[in-house]
Amino acid sequence: LRVDPVSSAFSLPHVRQEERGARGRAMDVIGYLGLEPYA
């Protein structure tokens, strides 16, 4: 993630975008490995 402590503290738009991207990536990997019931 390209997030610094100041941006994260103020929850700037690019921070929220990075977090959404990370969550989307996690759900993709969870789906690929059949871990959806355990997320």
Full PDB file with SEQRES, HELIX, SHEET, SSBOND, CRYST1, ORIGX, SCALE, CONECT and MASTER records, all heavy atoms in Angstrom:
SEQRES   1 A   39  LEU ARG VAL ASP PRO VAL SER SER ALA PHE SER LEU PRO          
SEQRES   2 A   39  HIS VAL ARG GLN GLU GLU ARG GLY ALA ARG GLY ARG ALA          
SEQRES   3 A   39  MET ASP VAL ILE GLY TYR LEU GLY LEU GLU PRO TYR ALA          
HELIX    1 AA1 PRO A    5  ALA A    9  1                                   5    
HELIX    2 AA2 PRO A   13  TYR A   32  1                                  20    
HELIX    3 AA3 GLU A   36  TYR A   38  5                                   3    
CRYST1    1.000    1.000    1.000  90.00  90.00  90.00 P 1           1          
ORIGX1      1.000000  0.000000  0.000000        0.00000                         
ORIGX2      0.000000  1.000000  0.000000        0.00000                         
ORIGX3      0.000000  0.000000  1.000000        0.00000                         
SCALE1      1.000000  0.000000  0.000000        0.00000                         
SCALE2      0.000000  1.000000  0.000000        0.00000                         
SCALE3      0.000000  0.000000  1.000000        0.00000                         
ATOM      1  N   LEU A   1       0.824  -1.208   0.000  1.00  0.00           N  
ATOM      2  CA  LEU A   1       0.000   0.000   0.000  1.00  0.00           C  
ATOM      3  C   LEU A   1       0.858   1.258   0.000  1.00  0.00           C  
ATOM      4  O   LEU A   1       1.859   1.339   0.706  1.00  0.00           O  
ATOM      5  CB  LEU A   1      -0.919   0.009   1.227  1.00  0.00           C  
ATOM      6  CG  LEU A   1      -1.891  -1.171   1.361  1.00  0.00           C  
ATOM      7  CD1 LEU A   1      -2.759  -1.004   2.604  1.00  0.00           C  
ATOM      8  CD2 LEU A   1      -2.751  -1.316   0.118  1.00  0.00           C  
ATOM      9  N   ARG A   2       0.445   2.223  -0.793  1.00  0.00           N  
ATOM     10  CA  ARG A   2       1.153   3.511  -0.856  1.00  0.00           C  
ATOM     11  C   ARG A   2       0.435   4.509   0.061  1.00  0.00           C  
ATOM     12  O   ARG A   2      -0.262   5.423  -0.398  1.00  0.00           O  
ATOM     13  CB  ARG A   2       1.191   4.014  -2.305  1.00  0.00           C  
ATOM     14  CG  ARG A   2       1.961   3.097  -3.238  1.00  0.00           C  
ATOM     15  CD  ARG A   2       2.008   3.639  -4.657  1.00  0.00           C  
ATOM     16  NE  ARG A   2       0.677   3.719  -5.236  1.00  0.00           N  
ATOM     17  CZ  ARG A   2       0.073   2.711  -5.844  1.00  0.00           C  
ATOM     18  NH1 ARG A   2       0.671   1.535  -5.930  1.00  0.00           N  
ATOM     19  NH2 ARG A   2      -1.127   2.855  -6.360  1.00  0.00           N  
ATOM     20  N   VAL A   3       0.626   4.288   1.358  1.00  0.00           N  
ATOM     21  CA  VAL A   3      -0.073   5.077   2.372  1.00  0.00           C  
ATOM     22  C   VAL A   3       0.929   5.499   3.435  1.00  0.00           C  
ATOM     23  O   VAL A   3       1.691   4.673   3.941  1.00  0.00           O  
ATOM     24  CB  VAL A   3      -1.211   4.261   3.027  1.00  0.00           C  
ATOM     25  CG1 VAL A   3      -1.855   5.052   4.150  1.00  0.00           C  
ATOM     26  CG2 VAL A   3      -2.263   3.874   1.987  1.00  0.00           C  
ATOM     27  N   ASP A   4       0.943   6.782   3.774  1.00  0.00           N  
ATOM     28  CA  ASP A   4       1.805   7.273   4.844  1.00  0.00           C  
ATOM     29  C   ASP A   4       0.961   7.544   6.083  1.00  0.00           C  
ATOM     30  O   ASP A   4      -0.267   7.660   5.999  1.00  0.00           O  
ATOM     31  CB  ASP A   4       2.540   8.547   4.401  1.00  0.00           C  
ATOM     32  CG  ASP A   4       1.582   9.671   4.062  1.00  0.00           C  
ATOM     33  OD1 ASP A   4       1.145  10.378   4.988  1.00  0.00           O  
ATOM     34  OD2 ASP A   4       1.243   9.830   2.859  1.00  0.00           O  
ATOM     35  N   PRO A   5       1.578   7.648   7.256  1.00  0.00           N  
ATOM     36  CA  PRO A   5       0.821   7.813   8.495  1.00  0.00           C  
ATOM     37  C   PRO A   5      -0.097   9.039   8.511  1.00  0.00           C  
ATOM     38  O   PRO A   5      -1.215   8.978   9.028  1.00  0.00           O  
ATOM     39  CB  PRO A   5       1.907   7.923   9.568  1.00  0.00           C  
ATOM     40  CG  PRO A   5       3.075   7.204   8.987  1.00  0.00           C  
ATOM     41  CD  PRO A   5       3.030   7.472   7.518  1.00  0.00           C  
ATOM     42  N   VAL A   6       0.349  10.163   7.951  1.00  0.00           N  
ATOM     43  CA  VAL A   6      -0.474  11.377   7.962  1.00  0.00           C  
ATOM     44  C   VAL A   6      -1.718  11.190   7.105  1.00  0.00           C  
ATOM     45  O   VAL A   6      -2.849  11.487   7.522  1.00  0.00           O  
ATOM     46  CB  VAL A   6       0.344  12.585   7.469  1.00  0.00           C  
ATOM     47  CG1 VAL A   6      -0.569  13.824   7.359  1.00  0.00           C  
ATOM     48  CG2 VAL A   6       1.499  12.864   8.415  1.00  0.00           C  
ATOM     49  N   SER A   7      -1.536  10.669   5.889  1.00  0.00           N  
ATOM     50  CA  SER A   7      -2.678  10.440   5.007  1.00  0.00           C  
ATOM     51  C   SER A   7      -3.659   9.465   5.633  1.00  0.00           C  
ATOM     52  O   SER A   7      -4.880   9.638   5.542  1.00  0.00           O  
ATOM     53  CB  SER A   7      -2.207   9.904   3.655  1.00  0.00           C  
ATOM     54  OG  SER A   7      -1.365  10.825   3.009  1.00  0.00           O  
ATOM     55  N   SER A   8      -3.103   8.432   6.275  1.00  0.00           N  
ATOM     56  CA  SER A   8      -3.963   7.436   6.905  1.00  0.00           C  
ATOM     57  C   SER A   8      -4.751   8.038   8.060  1.00  0.00           C  
ATOM     58  O   SER A   8      -5.936   7.760   8.239  1.00  0.00           O  
ATOM     59  CB  SER A   8      -3.107   6.267   7.396  1.00  0.00           C  
ATOM     60  OG  SER A   8      -3.910   5.279   7.985  1.00  0.00           O  
ATOM     61  N   ALA A   9      -4.099   8.891   8.856  1.00  0.00           N  
ATOM     62  CA  ALA A   9      -4.772   9.507  10.011  1.00  0.00           C  
ATOM     63  C   ALA A   9      -5.957  10.359   9.578  1.00  0.00           C  
ATOM     64  O   ALA A   9      -6.992  10.400  10.264  1.00  0.00           O  
ATOM     65  CB  ALA A   9      -3.773  10.344  10.802  1.00  0.00           C  
ATOM     66  N   PHE A  10      -5.817  11.030   8.430  1.00  0.00           N  
ATOM     67  CA  PHE A  10      -6.897  11.891   7.940  1.00  0.00           C  
ATOM     68  C   PHE A  10      -7.795  11.179   6.938  1.00  0.00           C  
ATOM     69  O   PHE A  10      -8.727  11.801   6.404  1.00  0.00           O  
ATOM     70  CB  PHE A  10      -6.300  13.149   7.300  1.00  0.00           C  
ATOM     71  CG  PHE A  10      -5.736  14.118   8.288  1.00  0.00           C  
ATOM     72  CD1 PHE A  10      -4.382  14.122   8.581  1.00  0.00           C  
ATOM     73  CD2 PHE A  10      -6.572  15.009   8.960  1.00  0.00           C  
ATOM     74  CE1 PHE A  10      -3.860  15.013   9.517  1.00  0.00           C  
ATOM     75  CE2 PHE A  10      -6.052  15.904   9.892  1.00  0.00           C  
ATOM     76  CZ  PHE A  10      -4.685  15.906  10.176  1.00  0.00           C  
ATOM     77  N   SER A  11      -7.538   9.897   6.708  1.00  0.00           N  
ATOM     78  CA  SER A  11      -8.349   9.092   5.795  1.00  0.00           C  
ATOM     79  C   SER A  11      -8.596   9.821   4.481  1.00  0.00           C  
ATOM     80  O   SER A  11      -9.733   9.981   4.034  1.00  0.00           O  
ATOM     81  CB  SER A  11      -9.696   8.736   6.465  1.00  0.00           C  
ATOM     82  OG  SER A  11     -10.394   7.779   5.705  1.00  0.00           O  
ATOM     83  N   LEU A  12      -7.530  10.258   3.859  1.00  0.00           N  
ATOM     84  CA  LEU A  12      -7.620  10.975   2.596  1.00  0.00           C  
ATOM     85  C   LEU A  12      -8.153  10.060   1.492  1.00  0.00           C  
ATOM     86  O   LEU A  12      -8.094   8.836   1.606  1.00  0.00           O  
ATOM     87  CB  LEU A  12      -6.249  11.529   2.210  1.00  0.00           C  
ATOM     88  CG  LEU A  12      -5.660  12.562   3.188  1.00  0.00           C  
ATOM     89  CD1 LEU A  12      -4.295  13.031   2.705  1.00  0.00           C  
ATOM     90  CD2 LEU A  12      -6.612  13.747   3.379  1.00  0.00           C  
ATOM     91  N   PRO A  13      -8.693  10.638   0.418  1.00  0.00           N  
ATOM     92  CA  PRO A  13      -9.327   9.827  -0.630  1.00  0.00           C  
ATOM     93  C   PRO A  13      -8.442   8.718  -1.185  1.00  0.00           C  
ATOM     94  O   PRO A  13      -8.917   7.604  -1.409  1.00  0.00           O  
ATOM     95  CB  PRO A  13      -9.672  10.858  -1.701  1.00  0.00           C  
ATOM     96  CG  PRO A  13      -9.879  12.124  -0.941  1.00  0.00           C  
ATOM     97  CD  PRO A  13      -8.883  12.087   0.172  1.00  0.00           C  
ATOM     98  N   HIS A  14      -7.142   9.010  -1.409  1.00  0.00           N  
ATOM     99  CA  HIS A  14      -6.303   7.963  -1.982  1.00  0.00           C  
ATOM    100  C   HIS A  14      -6.076   6.816  -0.998  1.00  0.00           C  
ATOM    101  O   HIS A  14      -5.849   5.668  -1.399  1.00  0.00           O  
ATOM    102  CB  HIS A  14      -4.958   8.541  -2.461  1.00  0.00           C  
ATOM    103  CG  HIS A  14      -3.945   8.757  -1.388  1.00  0.00           C  
ATOM    104  ND1 HIS A  14      -3.914   9.892  -0.604  1.00  0.00           N  
ATOM    105  CD2 HIS A  14      -2.915   7.973  -0.958  1.00  0.00           C  
ATOM    106  CE1 HIS A  14      -2.910   9.806   0.241  1.00  0.00           C  
ATOM    107  NE2 HIS A  14      -2.285   8.664   0.060  1.00  0.00           N  
ATOM    108  N   VAL A  15      -6.164   7.124   0.309  1.00  0.00           N  
ATOM    109  CA  VAL A  15      -6.046   6.075   1.320  1.00  0.00           C  
ATOM    110  C   VAL A  15      -7.242   5.146   1.239  1.00  0.00           C  
ATOM    111  O   VAL A  15      -7.108   3.915   1.245  1.00  0.00           O  
ATOM    112  CB  VAL A  15      -5.925   6.683   2.730  1.00  0.00           C  
ATOM    113  CG1 VAL A  15      -5.973   5.579   3.790  1.00  0.00           C  
ATOM    114  CG2 VAL A  15      -4.651   7.494   2.861  1.00  0.00           C  
ATOM    115  N   ARG A  16      -8.433   5.733   1.143  1.00  0.00           N  
ATOM    116  CA  ARG A  16      -9.641   4.909   1.032  1.00  0.00           C  
ATOM    117  C   ARG A  16      -9.618   4.072  -0.240  1.00  0.00           C  
ATOM    118  O   ARG A  16     -10.047   2.917  -0.248  1.00  0.00           O  
ATOM    119  CB  ARG A  16     -10.878   5.799   1.088  1.00  0.00           C  
ATOM    120  CG  ARG A  16     -11.065   6.513   2.432  1.00  0.00           C  
ATOM    121  CD  ARG A  16     -12.457   7.110   2.562  1.00  0.00           C  
ATOM    122  NE  ARG A  16     -12.687   8.177   1.583  1.00  0.00           N  
ATOM    123  CZ  ARG A  16     -12.382   9.452   1.783  1.00  0.00           C  
ATOM    124  NH1 ARG A  16     -11.808   9.816   2.943  1.00  0.00           N  
ATOM    125  NH2 ARG A  16     -12.632  10.362   0.869  1.00  0.00           N  
ATOM    126  N   GLN A  17      -9.085   4.648  -1.308  1.00  0.00           N  
ATOM    127  CA  GLN A  17      -8.981   3.904  -2.561  1.00  0.00           C  
ATOM    128  C   GLN A  17      -8.020   2.723  -2.422  1.00  0.00           C  
ATOM    129  O   GLN A  17      -8.303   1.615  -2.909  1.00  0.00           O  
ATOM    130  CB  GLN A  17      -8.516   4.827  -3.683  1.00  0.00           C  
ATOM    131  CG  GLN A  17      -8.442   4.149  -5.038  1.00  0.00           C  
ATOM    132  CD  GLN A  17      -8.024   5.116  -6.136  1.00  0.00           C  
ATOM    133  OE1 GLN A  17      -7.818   6.306  -5.894  1.00  0.00           O  
ATOM    134  NE2 GLN A  17      -7.901   4.611  -7.350  1.00  0.00           N  
ATOM    135  N   GLU A  18      -6.887   2.956  -1.766  1.00  0.00           N  
ATOM    136  CA  GLU A  18      -5.932   1.883  -1.535  1.00  0.00           C  
ATOM    137  C   GLU A  18      -6.556   0.771  -0.688  1.00  0.00           C  
ATOM    138  O   GLU A  18      -6.364  -0.419  -0.962  1.00  0.00           O  
ATOM    139  CB  GLU A  18      -4.683   2.425  -0.834  1.00  0.00           C  
ATOM    140  CG  GLU A  18      -3.798   3.296  -1.705  1.00  0.00           C  
ATOM    141  CD  GLU A  18      -2.851   2.485  -2.578  1.00  0.00           C  
ATOM    142  OE1 GLU A  18      -2.519   1.337  -2.190  1.00  0.00           O  
ATOM    143  OE2 GLU A  18      -2.459   2.977  -3.636  1.00  0.00           O  
ATOM    144  N   GLU A  19      -7.301   1.168   0.337  1.00  0.00           N  
ATOM    145  CA  GLU A  19      -7.923   0.180   1.220  1.00  0.00           C  
ATOM    146  C   GLU A  19      -8.970  -0.637   0.476  1.00  0.00           C  
ATOM    147  O   GLU A  19      -9.081  -1.852   0.680  1.00  0.00           O  
ATOM    148  CB  GLU A  19      -8.536   0.882   2.429  1.00  0.00           C  
ATOM    149  CG  GLU A  19      -7.500   1.467   3.387  1.00  0.00           C  
ATOM    150  CD  GLU A  19      -8.118   2.291   4.496  1.00  0.00           C  
ATOM    151  OE1 GLU A  19      -9.318   2.638   4.382  1.00  0.00           O  
ATOM    152  OE2 GLU A  19      -7.398   2.600   5.469  1.00  0.00           O  
ATOM    153  N   ARG A  20      -9.753   0.021  -0.396  1.00  0.00           N  
ATOM    154  CA  ARG A  20     -10.736  -0.713  -1.197  1.00  0.00           C  
ATOM    155  C   ARG A  20     -10.035  -1.691  -2.140  1.00  0.00           C  
ATOM    156  O   ARG A  20     -10.485  -2.822  -2.331  1.00  0.00           O  
ATOM    157  CB  ARG A  20     -11.604   0.253  -1.997  1.00  0.00           C  
ATOM    158  CG  ARG A  20     -12.640   1.006  -1.170  1.00  0.00           C  
ATOM    159  CD  ARG A  20     -13.663   1.691  -2.059  1.00  0.00           C  
ATOM    160  NE  ARG A  20     -13.048   2.700  -2.919  1.00  0.00           N  
ATOM    161  CZ  ARG A  20     -12.910   3.984  -2.576  1.00  0.00           C  
ATOM    162  NH1 ARG A  20     -13.329   4.409  -1.393  1.00  0.00           N  
ATOM    163  NH2 ARG A  20     -12.345   4.848  -3.411  1.00  0.00           N  
ATOM    164  N   GLY A  21      -8.918  -1.248  -2.715  1.00  0.00           N  
ATOM    165  CA  GLY A  21      -8.166  -2.137  -3.600  1.00  0.00           C  
ATOM    166  C   GLY A  21      -7.623  -3.341  -2.866  1.00  0.00           C  
ATOM    167  O   GLY A  21      -7.649  -4.466  -3.389  1.00  0.00           O  
ATOM    168  N   ALA A  22      -7.114  -3.122  -1.652  1.00  0.00           N  
ATOM    169  CA  ALA A  22      -6.571  -4.229  -0.857  1.00  0.00           C  
ATOM    170  C   ALA A  22      -7.666  -5.224  -0.492  1.00  0.00           C  
ATOM    171  O   ALA A  22      -7.467  -6.444  -0.559  1.00  0.00           O  
ATOM    172  CB  ALA A  22      -5.916  -3.682   0.413  1.00  0.00           C  
ATOM    173  N   ARG A  23      -8.837  -4.702  -0.121  1.00  0.00           N  
ATOM    174  CA  ARG A  23      -9.947  -5.589   0.237  1.00  0.00           C  
ATOM    175  C   ARG A  23     -10.418  -6.382  -0.986  1.00  0.00           C  
ATOM    176  O   ARG A  23     -10.703  -7.579  -0.889  1.00  0.00           O  
ATOM    177  CB  ARG A  23     -11.098  -4.766   0.819  1.00  0.00           C  
ATOM    178  CG  ARG A  23     -12.257  -5.595   1.359  1.00  0.00           C  
ATOM    179  CD  ARG A  23     -13.225  -4.700   2.117  1.00  0.00           C  
ATOM    180  NE  ARG A  23     -12.611  -4.196   3.338  1.00  0.00           N  
ATOM    181  CZ  ARG A  23     -12.729  -4.795   4.518  1.00  0.00           C  
ATOM    182  NH1 ARG A  23     -13.423  -5.915   4.631  1.00  0.00           N  
ATOM    183  NH2 ARG A  23     -12.154  -4.281   5.580  1.00  0.00           N  
ATOM    184  N   GLY A  24     -10.455  -5.725  -2.134  1.00  0.00           N  
ATOM    185  CA  GLY A  24     -10.848  -6.419  -3.353  1.00  0.00           C  
ATOM    186  C   GLY A  24      -9.870  -7.524  -3.716  1.00  0.00           C  
ATOM    187  O   GLY A  24     -10.259  -8.628  -4.113  1.00  0.00           O  
ATOM    188  N   ARG A  25      -8.573  -7.225  -3.574  1.00  0.00           N  
ATOM    189  CA  ARG A  25      -7.549  -8.224  -3.841  1.00  0.00           C  
ATOM    190  C   ARG A  25      -7.694  -9.404  -2.882  1.00  0.00           C  
ATOM    191  O   ARG A  25      -7.594 -10.570  -3.283  1.00  0.00           O  
ATOM    192  CB  ARG A  25      -6.162  -7.595  -3.691  1.00  0.00           C  
ATOM    193  CG  ARG A  25      -4.994  -8.560  -3.643  1.00  0.00           C  
ATOM    194  CD  ARG A  25      -4.739  -9.224  -4.967  1.00  0.00           C  
ATOM    195  NE  ARG A  25      -3.498  -9.992  -4.943  1.00  0.00           N  
ATOM    196  CZ  ARG A  25      -3.038 -10.704  -5.938  1.00  0.00           C  
ATOM    197  NH1 ARG A  25      -3.722 -10.738  -7.073  1.00  0.00           N  
ATOM    198  NH2 ARG A  25      -1.906 -11.378  -5.826  1.00  0.00           N  
ATOM    199  N   ALA A  26      -7.939  -9.107  -1.599  1.00  0.00           N  
ATOM    200  CA  ALA A  26      -8.098 -10.163  -0.602  1.00  0.00           C  
ATOM    201  C   ALA A  26      -9.273 -11.071  -0.952  1.00  0.00           C  
ATOM    202  O   ALA A  26      -9.167 -12.297  -0.868  1.00  0.00           O  
ATOM    203  CB  ALA A  26      -8.274  -9.559   0.783  1.00  0.00           C  
ATOM    204  N   MET A  27     -10.376 -10.481  -1.355  1.00  0.00           N  
ATOM    205  CA  MET A  27     -11.546 -11.289  -1.683  1.00  0.00           C  
ATOM    206  C   MET A  27     -11.303 -12.128  -2.935  1.00  0.00           C  
ATOM    207  O   MET A  27     -11.800 -13.260  -3.047  1.00  0.00           O  
ATOM    208  CB  MET A  27     -12.774 -10.397  -1.856  1.00  0.00           C  
ATOM    209  CG  MET A  27     -13.219  -9.709  -0.560  1.00  0.00           C  
ATOM    210  SD  MET A  27     -13.401 -10.841   0.868  1.00  0.00           S  
ATOM    211  CE  MET A  27     -14.701 -11.947   0.268  1.00  0.00           C  
ATOM    212  N   ASP A  28     -10.526 -11.610  -3.875  1.00  0.00           N  
ATOM    213  CA  ASP A  28     -10.168 -12.395  -5.061  1.00  0.00           C  
ATOM    214  C   ASP A  28      -9.352 -13.627  -4.667  1.00  0.00           C  
ATOM    215  O   ASP A  28      -9.610 -14.747  -5.149  1.00  0.00           O  
ATOM    216  CB  ASP A  28      -9.368 -11.543  -6.048  1.00  0.00           C  
ATOM    217  CG  ASP A  28     -10.218 -10.536  -6.795  1.00  0.00           C  
ATOM    218  OD1 ASP A  28     -11.460 -10.677  -6.773  1.00  0.00           O  
ATOM    219  OD2 ASP A  28      -9.643  -9.599  -7.386  1.00  0.00           O  
ATOM    220  N   VAL A  29      -8.362 -13.420  -3.794  1.00  0.00           N  
ATOM    221  CA  VAL A  29      -7.513 -14.528  -3.364  1.00  0.00           C  
ATOM    222  C   VAL A  29      -8.319 -15.519  -2.532  1.00  0.00           C  
ATOM    223  O   VAL A  29      -8.195 -16.745  -2.692  1.00  0.00           O  
ATOM    224  CB  VAL A  29      -6.298 -14.006  -2.565  1.00  0.00           C  
ATOM    225  CG1 VAL A  29      -5.506 -15.168  -1.962  1.00  0.00           C  
ATOM    226  CG2 VAL A  29      -5.394 -13.172  -3.466  1.00  0.00           C  
ATOM    227  N   ILE A  30      -9.160 -15.008  -1.660  1.00  0.00           N  
ATOM    228  CA  ILE A  30     -10.024 -15.869  -0.851  1.00  0.00           C  
ATOM    229  C   ILE A  30     -10.906 -16.726  -1.757  1.00  0.00           C  
ATOM    230  O   ILE A  30     -11.074 -17.935  -1.539  1.00  0.00           O  
ATOM    231  CB  ILE A  30     -10.880 -15.008   0.109  1.00  0.00           C  
ATOM    232  CG1 ILE A  30     -10.004 -14.546   1.290  1.00  0.00           C  
ATOM    233  CG2 ILE A  30     -12.096 -15.784   0.618  1.00  0.00           C  
ATOM    234  CD1 ILE A  30     -10.686 -13.533   2.193  1.00  0.00           C  
ATOM    235  N   GLY A  31     -11.461 -16.100  -2.784  1.00  0.00           N  
ATOM    236  CA  GLY A  31     -12.303 -16.840  -3.709  1.00  0.00           C  
ATOM    237  C   GLY A  31     -11.522 -17.899  -4.470  1.00  0.00           C  
ATOM    238  O   GLY A  31     -11.989 -19.040  -4.640  1.00  0.00           O  
ATOM    239  N   TYR A  32     -10.329 -17.549  -4.912  1.00  0.00           N  
ATOM    240  CA  TYR A  32      -9.533 -18.485  -5.696  1.00  0.00           C  
ATOM    241  C   TYR A  32      -9.162 -19.719  -4.872  1.00  0.00           C  
ATOM    242  O   TYR A  32      -9.156 -20.846  -5.398  1.00  0.00           O  
ATOM    243  CB  TYR A  32      -8.268 -17.810  -6.207  1.00  0.00           C  
ATOM    244  CG  TYR A  32      -7.424 -18.723  -7.054  1.00  0.00           C  
ATOM    245  CD1 TYR A  32      -7.760 -18.979  -8.386  1.00  0.00           C  
ATOM    246  CD2 TYR A  32      -6.310 -19.359  -6.516  1.00  0.00           C  
ATOM    247  CE1 TYR A  32      -7.003 -19.850  -9.156  1.00  0.00           C  
ATOM    248  CE2 TYR A  32      -5.553 -20.233  -7.288  1.00  0.00           C  
ATOM    249  CZ  TYR A  32      -5.899 -20.471  -8.601  1.00  0.00           C  
ATOM    250  OH  TYR A  32      -5.164 -21.342  -9.351  1.00  0.00           O  
ATOM    251  N   LEU A  33      -8.868 -19.529  -3.596  1.00  0.00           N  
ATOM    252  CA  LEU A  33      -8.454 -20.643  -2.739  1.00  0.00           C  
ATOM    253  C   LEU A  33      -9.623 -21.300  -2.013  1.00  0.00           C  
ATOM    254  O   LEU A  33      -9.418 -22.144  -1.137  1.00  0.00           O  
ATOM    255  CB  LEU A  33      -7.404 -20.163  -1.729  1.00  0.00           C  
ATOM    256  CG  LEU A  33      -6.046 -19.811  -2.334  1.00  0.00           C  
ATOM    257  CD1 LEU A  33      -5.108 -19.271  -1.276  1.00  0.00           C  
ATOM    258  CD2 LEU A  33      -5.426 -21.020  -3.016  1.00  0.00           C  
ATOM    259  N   GLY A  34     -10.842 -20.915  -2.361  1.00  0.00           N  
ATOM    260  CA  GLY A  34     -12.013 -21.553  -1.780  1.00  0.00           C  
ATOM    261  C   GLY A  34     -12.215 -21.259  -0.309  1.00  0.00           C  
ATOM    262  O   GLY A  34     -12.749 -22.087   0.441  1.00  0.00           O  
ATOM    263  N   LEU A  35     -11.828 -20.060   0.112  1.00  0.00           N  
ATOM    264  CA  LEU A  35     -11.927 -19.693   1.527  1.00  0.00           C  
ATOM    265  C   LEU A  35     -13.124 -18.798   1.837  1.00  0.00           C  
ATOM    266  O   LEU A  35     -13.226 -18.269   2.949  1.00  0.00           O  
ATOM    267  CB  LEU A  35     -10.636 -18.987   1.967  1.00  0.00           C  
ATOM    268  CG  LEU A  35      -9.376 -19.850   1.999  1.00  0.00           C  
ATOM    269  CD1 LEU A  35      -8.129 -18.981   2.164  1.00  0.00           C  
ATOM    270  CD2 LEU A  35      -9.458 -20.888   3.114  1.00  0.00           C  
ATOM    271  N   GLU A  36     -14.030 -18.634   0.878  1.00  0.00           N  
ATOM    272  CA  GLU A  36     -15.164 -17.723   1.103  1.00  0.00           C  
ATOM    273  C   GLU A  36     -15.956 -18.026   2.376  1.00  0.00           C  
ATOM    274  O   GLU A  36     -16.318 -17.087   3.109  1.00  0.00           O  
ATOM    275  CB  GLU A  36     -16.134 -17.740  -0.092  1.00  0.00           C  
ATOM    276  CG  GLU A  36     -15.541 -17.307  -1.395  1.00  0.00           C  
ATOM    277  CD  GLU A  36     -15.219 -18.502  -2.273  1.00  0.00           C  
ATOM    278  OE1 GLU A  36     -14.723 -19.513  -1.722  1.00  0.00           O  
ATOM    279  OE2 GLU A  36     -15.448 -18.405  -3.487  1.00  0.00           O  
ATOM    280  N   PRO A  37     -16.207 -19.307   2.707  1.00  0.00           N  
ATOM    281  CA  PRO A  37     -16.993 -19.574   3.928  1.00  0.00           C  
ATOM    282  C   PRO A  37     -16.292 -19.136   5.210  1.00  0.00           C  
ATOM    283  O   PRO A  37     -16.935 -19.051   6.265  1.00  0.00           O  
ATOM    284  CB  PRO A  37     -17.166 -21.100   3.906  1.00  0.00           C  
ATOM    285  CG  PRO A  37     -16.930 -21.509   2.493  1.00  0.00           C  
ATOM    286  CD  PRO A  37     -15.903 -20.548   1.981  1.00  0.00           C  
ATOM    287  N   TYR A  38     -14.983 -18.872   5.124  1.00  0.00           N  
ATOM    288  CA  TYR A  38     -14.206 -18.579   6.325  1.00  0.00           C  
ATOM    289  C   TYR A  38     -13.728 -17.133   6.398  1.00  0.00           C  
ATOM    290  O   TYR A  38     -13.017 -16.773   7.342  1.00  0.00           O  
ATOM    291  CB  TYR A  38     -12.983 -19.499   6.393  1.00  0.00           C  
ATOM    292  CG  TYR A  38     -13.281 -20.944   6.135  1.00  0.00           C  
ATOM    293  CD1 TYR A  38     -12.918 -21.552   4.935  1.00  0.00           C  
ATOM    294  CD2 TYR A  38     -13.943 -21.716   7.084  1.00  0.00           C  
ATOM    295  CE1 TYR A  38     -13.197 -22.888   4.691  1.00  0.00           C  
ATOM    296  CE2 TYR A  38     -14.230 -23.055   6.852  1.00  0.00           C  
ATOM    297  CZ  TYR A  38     -13.849 -23.626   5.645  1.00  0.00           C  
ATOM    298  OH  TYR A  38     -14.127 -24.944   5.410  1.00  0.00           O  
ATOM    299  N   ALA A  39     -14.112 -16.300   5.448  1.00  0.00           N  
ATOM    300  CA  ALA A  39     -13.549 -14.951   5.359  1.00  0.00           C  
ATOM    301  C   ALA A  39     -13.701 -14.170   6.657  1.00  0.00           C  
ATOM    302  O   ALA A  39     -12.803 -13.438   7.067  1.00  0.00           O  
ATOM    303  CB  ALA A  39     -14.180 -14.182   4.202  1.00  0.00           C  
TER     304      ALA A  39                                                      
MASTER        0    0    0    3    0    0    0    6  303    1    0    3          
END                                                                             
